[in-house]
N, C-alpha and C. Protein backbone atom coordinates (compact mmCIF):
# COMPACT_ATOMS: atom_id res chain seq x y z
N MET A 1 -125.01 -108.02 -4.17
CA MET A 1 -125.54 -108.72 -5.33
C MET A 1 -125.35 -110.21 -5.14
N GLN A 2 -126.39 -110.96 -5.36
CA GLN A 2 -126.28 -112.41 -5.30
C GLN A 2 -125.58 -112.91 -6.55
N ASN A 3 -124.84 -114.01 -6.38
CA ASN A 3 -124.09 -114.57 -7.51
C ASN A 3 -124.86 -115.64 -8.25
N SER A 4 -126.08 -115.99 -7.77
CA SER A 4 -126.91 -116.98 -8.44
C SER A 4 -128.35 -116.52 -8.43
N THR A 5 -129.11 -117.06 -9.37
CA THR A 5 -130.53 -116.79 -9.39
C THR A 5 -131.22 -117.70 -8.38
N ASP A 6 -132.50 -117.46 -8.16
CA ASP A 6 -133.27 -118.32 -7.26
C ASP A 6 -133.27 -119.77 -7.74
N ALA A 7 -133.12 -119.98 -9.03
CA ALA A 7 -133.09 -121.33 -9.60
C ALA A 7 -131.71 -121.97 -9.50
N GLY A 8 -130.75 -121.24 -8.93
CA GLY A 8 -129.41 -121.79 -8.76
C GLY A 8 -128.48 -121.56 -9.94
N LEU A 9 -128.93 -120.82 -10.95
CA LEU A 9 -128.09 -120.53 -12.10
C LEU A 9 -127.12 -119.41 -11.76
N LYS A 10 -125.87 -119.58 -12.11
CA LYS A 10 -124.87 -118.57 -11.80
C LYS A 10 -125.01 -117.39 -12.75
N ILE A 11 -124.80 -116.19 -12.20
CA ILE A 11 -124.94 -115.00 -13.03
C ILE A 11 -123.62 -114.28 -13.24
N ILE A 12 -122.55 -114.78 -12.63
CA ILE A 12 -121.23 -114.15 -12.76
C ILE A 12 -120.21 -115.18 -13.22
N THR A 13 -119.34 -114.75 -14.14
CA THR A 13 -118.19 -115.55 -14.54
C THR A 13 -116.94 -114.72 -14.28
N VAL A 14 -115.93 -115.34 -13.67
CA VAL A 14 -114.62 -114.72 -13.51
C VAL A 14 -113.74 -115.27 -14.62
N VAL A 15 -113.18 -114.39 -15.44
CA VAL A 15 -112.31 -114.78 -16.54
C VAL A 15 -110.87 -114.47 -16.15
N ILE A 16 -110.01 -115.49 -16.26
CA ILE A 16 -108.60 -115.34 -15.90
C ILE A 16 -107.73 -115.75 -17.08
N PRO A 17 -106.95 -114.82 -17.63
CA PRO A 17 -105.97 -115.22 -18.63
C PRO A 17 -104.74 -115.78 -17.91
N ASN A 18 -104.11 -116.79 -18.48
CA ASN A 18 -102.94 -117.39 -17.85
C ASN A 18 -101.86 -117.64 -18.88
N TRP A 19 -100.63 -117.35 -18.51
CA TRP A 19 -99.47 -117.73 -19.30
C TRP A 19 -98.34 -118.05 -18.31
N ASN A 20 -98.05 -119.34 -18.18
CA ASN A 20 -97.01 -119.81 -17.28
C ASN A 20 -97.15 -119.23 -15.87
N GLY A 21 -98.37 -119.20 -15.38
CA GLY A 21 -98.65 -118.63 -14.06
C GLY A 21 -98.78 -119.66 -12.96
N MET A 22 -98.18 -120.81 -13.13
CA MET A 22 -98.31 -121.90 -12.16
C MET A 22 -98.01 -121.45 -10.74
N ARG A 23 -97.01 -120.61 -10.56
CA ARG A 23 -96.62 -120.21 -9.20
C ARG A 23 -97.71 -119.42 -8.48
N TRP A 24 -98.67 -118.85 -9.22
CA TRP A 24 -99.74 -118.09 -8.61
C TRP A 24 -101.07 -118.84 -8.57
N LEU A 25 -101.21 -119.85 -9.40
CA LEU A 25 -102.51 -120.48 -9.58
C LEU A 25 -103.10 -121.10 -8.32
N GLU A 26 -102.32 -121.86 -7.58
CA GLU A 26 -102.89 -122.58 -6.45
C GLU A 26 -103.54 -121.63 -5.45
N SER A 27 -102.84 -120.60 -5.04
CA SER A 27 -103.43 -119.69 -4.05
C SER A 27 -104.61 -118.91 -4.62
N ARG A 28 -104.52 -118.50 -5.87
CA ARG A 28 -105.61 -117.72 -6.48
C ARG A 28 -106.86 -118.59 -6.69
N LEU A 29 -106.65 -119.78 -7.23
CA LEU A 29 -107.80 -120.65 -7.50
C LEU A 29 -108.41 -121.19 -6.21
N GLN A 30 -107.59 -121.42 -5.20
CA GLN A 30 -108.12 -121.87 -3.92
C GLN A 30 -109.04 -120.80 -3.34
N SER A 31 -108.66 -119.55 -3.45
CA SER A 31 -109.50 -118.48 -2.91
C SER A 31 -110.80 -118.33 -3.68
N LEU A 32 -110.83 -118.75 -4.94
CA LEU A 32 -112.04 -118.66 -5.74
C LEU A 32 -112.91 -119.91 -5.65
N SER A 33 -112.35 -121.02 -5.17
CA SER A 33 -113.03 -122.31 -5.28
C SER A 33 -114.33 -122.42 -4.47
N ASN A 34 -114.48 -121.67 -3.42
CA ASN A 34 -115.69 -121.77 -2.61
C ASN A 34 -116.69 -120.66 -2.91
N GLN A 35 -116.49 -119.96 -3.98
CA GLN A 35 -117.39 -118.87 -4.35
C GLN A 35 -118.49 -119.37 -5.27
N ASP A 36 -119.54 -118.61 -5.35
CA ASP A 36 -120.71 -119.00 -6.11
C ASP A 36 -120.72 -118.33 -7.49
N PHE A 37 -119.71 -118.60 -8.29
CA PHE A 37 -119.67 -118.11 -9.66
C PHE A 37 -118.85 -119.06 -10.51
N ASP A 38 -118.98 -118.92 -11.82
CA ASP A 38 -118.19 -119.72 -12.75
C ASP A 38 -116.81 -119.10 -12.91
N THR A 39 -115.84 -119.94 -13.20
CA THR A 39 -114.49 -119.46 -13.50
C THR A 39 -114.06 -120.04 -14.83
N VAL A 40 -113.54 -119.17 -15.69
CA VAL A 40 -113.04 -119.56 -17.00
C VAL A 40 -111.59 -119.10 -17.08
N ILE A 41 -110.70 -120.01 -17.44
CA ILE A 41 -109.29 -119.66 -17.64
C ILE A 41 -108.96 -119.87 -19.11
N THR A 42 -108.37 -118.84 -19.71
CA THR A 42 -107.85 -118.97 -21.06
C THR A 42 -106.34 -119.06 -20.94
N ASP A 43 -105.79 -120.20 -21.32
CA ASP A 43 -104.35 -120.41 -21.20
C ASP A 43 -103.67 -120.05 -22.51
N ASN A 44 -102.67 -119.20 -22.40
CA ASN A 44 -101.93 -118.68 -23.55
C ASN A 44 -100.71 -119.53 -23.90
N GLY A 45 -100.90 -120.84 -24.06
CA GLY A 45 -99.80 -121.71 -24.48
C GLY A 45 -98.76 -121.95 -23.40
N SER A 46 -99.18 -122.05 -22.15
CA SER A 46 -98.25 -122.26 -21.04
C SER A 46 -97.47 -123.56 -21.21
N THR A 47 -96.24 -123.54 -20.70
CA THR A 47 -95.38 -124.72 -20.74
C THR A 47 -94.92 -125.12 -19.33
N ASP A 48 -95.54 -124.54 -18.31
CA ASP A 48 -95.11 -124.77 -16.92
C ASP A 48 -95.99 -125.75 -16.15
N GLY A 49 -96.88 -126.45 -16.83
CA GLY A 49 -97.75 -127.41 -16.14
C GLY A 49 -99.03 -126.81 -15.61
N SER A 50 -99.32 -125.58 -15.94
CA SER A 50 -100.52 -124.90 -15.46
C SER A 50 -101.80 -125.65 -15.83
N VAL A 51 -101.93 -126.01 -17.08
CA VAL A 51 -103.18 -126.64 -17.55
C VAL A 51 -103.43 -127.99 -16.88
N PRO A 52 -102.46 -128.90 -16.85
CA PRO A 52 -102.72 -130.16 -16.14
C PRO A 52 -103.05 -129.94 -14.66
N PHE A 53 -102.39 -128.97 -14.02
CA PHE A 53 -102.67 -128.66 -12.62
C PHE A 53 -104.12 -128.23 -12.44
N ILE A 54 -104.58 -127.32 -13.29
CA ILE A 54 -105.96 -126.83 -13.19
C ILE A 54 -106.94 -127.98 -13.41
N LYS A 55 -106.74 -128.74 -14.48
CA LYS A 55 -107.67 -129.82 -14.81
C LYS A 55 -107.72 -130.89 -13.72
N GLU A 56 -106.59 -131.17 -13.09
CA GLU A 56 -106.56 -132.20 -12.05
C GLU A 56 -107.14 -131.71 -10.73
N ASN A 57 -106.86 -130.48 -10.36
CA ASN A 57 -107.24 -129.98 -9.05
C ASN A 57 -108.52 -129.15 -9.02
N TYR A 58 -108.91 -128.61 -10.15
CA TYR A 58 -110.09 -127.75 -10.22
C TYR A 58 -110.93 -128.12 -11.45
N PRO A 59 -111.50 -129.32 -11.45
CA PRO A 59 -112.24 -129.77 -12.63
C PRO A 59 -113.48 -128.93 -12.94
N GLN A 60 -113.95 -128.16 -12.00
CA GLN A 60 -115.12 -127.32 -12.21
C GLN A 60 -114.79 -126.07 -13.04
N ILE A 61 -113.51 -125.78 -13.19
CA ILE A 61 -113.09 -124.60 -13.96
C ILE A 61 -113.02 -124.95 -15.43
N LYS A 62 -113.60 -124.08 -16.26
CA LYS A 62 -113.53 -124.25 -17.70
C LYS A 62 -112.19 -123.71 -18.18
N VAL A 63 -111.46 -124.53 -18.93
CA VAL A 63 -110.15 -124.12 -19.44
C VAL A 63 -110.18 -124.16 -20.96
N THR A 64 -109.76 -123.06 -21.56
CA THR A 64 -109.58 -123.01 -23.01
C THR A 64 -108.10 -122.83 -23.25
N CYS A 65 -107.52 -123.69 -24.08
CA CYS A 65 -106.08 -123.66 -24.33
C CYS A 65 -105.79 -123.09 -25.71
N LEU A 66 -104.94 -122.10 -25.74
CA LEU A 66 -104.47 -121.53 -26.99
C LEU A 66 -103.10 -122.12 -27.31
N ALA A 67 -102.78 -122.25 -28.57
CA ALA A 67 -101.52 -122.86 -28.99
C ALA A 67 -100.32 -121.96 -28.72
N ARG A 68 -100.56 -120.67 -28.62
CA ARG A 68 -99.46 -119.72 -28.39
C ARG A 68 -99.98 -118.58 -27.52
N ASN A 69 -99.06 -117.76 -27.07
CA ASN A 69 -99.44 -116.60 -26.26
C ASN A 69 -100.06 -115.55 -27.18
N ALA A 70 -101.37 -115.44 -27.11
CA ALA A 70 -102.11 -114.49 -27.95
C ALA A 70 -102.26 -113.13 -27.29
N GLY A 71 -101.73 -112.98 -26.07
CA GLY A 71 -101.81 -111.71 -25.37
C GLY A 71 -103.01 -111.63 -24.45
N PHE A 72 -102.93 -110.67 -23.53
CA PHE A 72 -103.96 -110.49 -22.51
C PHE A 72 -105.34 -110.24 -23.12
N ALA A 73 -105.44 -109.25 -23.99
CA ALA A 73 -106.74 -108.87 -24.54
C ALA A 73 -107.40 -110.01 -25.29
N ASN A 74 -106.65 -110.71 -26.12
CA ASN A 74 -107.22 -111.84 -26.86
C ASN A 74 -107.68 -112.94 -25.91
N ALA A 75 -106.86 -113.24 -24.91
CA ALA A 75 -107.23 -114.28 -23.94
C ALA A 75 -108.49 -113.91 -23.19
N VAL A 76 -108.59 -112.67 -22.77
CA VAL A 76 -109.78 -112.21 -22.05
C VAL A 76 -111.01 -112.28 -22.96
N ASN A 77 -110.87 -111.83 -24.19
CA ASN A 77 -112.01 -111.86 -25.12
C ASN A 77 -112.48 -113.30 -25.37
N ILE A 78 -111.55 -114.23 -25.51
CA ILE A 78 -111.92 -115.64 -25.70
C ILE A 78 -112.62 -116.16 -24.45
N GLY A 79 -112.12 -115.79 -23.27
CA GLY A 79 -112.77 -116.19 -22.03
C GLY A 79 -114.18 -115.66 -21.92
N ILE A 80 -114.38 -114.43 -22.33
CA ILE A 80 -115.72 -113.82 -22.31
C ILE A 80 -116.64 -114.58 -23.26
N GLU A 81 -116.14 -114.94 -24.43
CA GLU A 81 -116.94 -115.70 -25.39
C GLU A 81 -117.36 -117.05 -24.82
N LYS A 82 -116.52 -117.65 -23.97
CA LYS A 82 -116.82 -118.97 -23.38
C LYS A 82 -117.73 -118.86 -22.16
N SER A 83 -118.02 -117.65 -21.73
CA SER A 83 -118.85 -117.44 -20.55
C SER A 83 -120.32 -117.52 -20.90
N THR A 84 -121.10 -118.07 -19.98
CA THR A 84 -122.55 -118.11 -20.20
C THR A 84 -123.34 -117.16 -19.31
N PRO A 85 -122.92 -116.91 -18.06
CA PRO A 85 -123.66 -115.96 -17.23
C PRO A 85 -123.61 -114.55 -17.83
N PRO A 86 -124.58 -113.71 -17.49
CA PRO A 86 -124.66 -112.38 -18.09
C PRO A 86 -123.60 -111.39 -17.63
N TYR A 87 -122.95 -111.64 -16.49
CA TYR A 87 -121.96 -110.70 -15.98
C TYR A 87 -120.60 -111.37 -15.94
N VAL A 88 -119.57 -110.60 -16.37
CA VAL A 88 -118.21 -111.12 -16.43
C VAL A 88 -117.31 -110.19 -15.61
N VAL A 89 -116.43 -110.80 -14.81
CA VAL A 89 -115.46 -110.07 -14.01
C VAL A 89 -114.07 -110.50 -14.49
N LEU A 90 -113.20 -109.55 -14.71
CA LEU A 90 -111.84 -109.86 -15.14
C LEU A 90 -110.89 -109.73 -13.97
């Protein structure tokens, strides 16, 4: 399956919930950075520097910040709501 249309529009979004996951972010996001899909991260009120790291190093990633840890399901649902392509991968 192609990840973009002939017009270059992306058809897949990867949604990643995050809560203080700084120790995993660099390797995970690096592996996703050269792929042809959108990435959305919903941050669950992290206090470990995750959000500034993402914004500084991966400006192409959409980040939604929650004030507190709303849990996996809520974070994923918010990420899906922020997605525009028709297919979402968790």
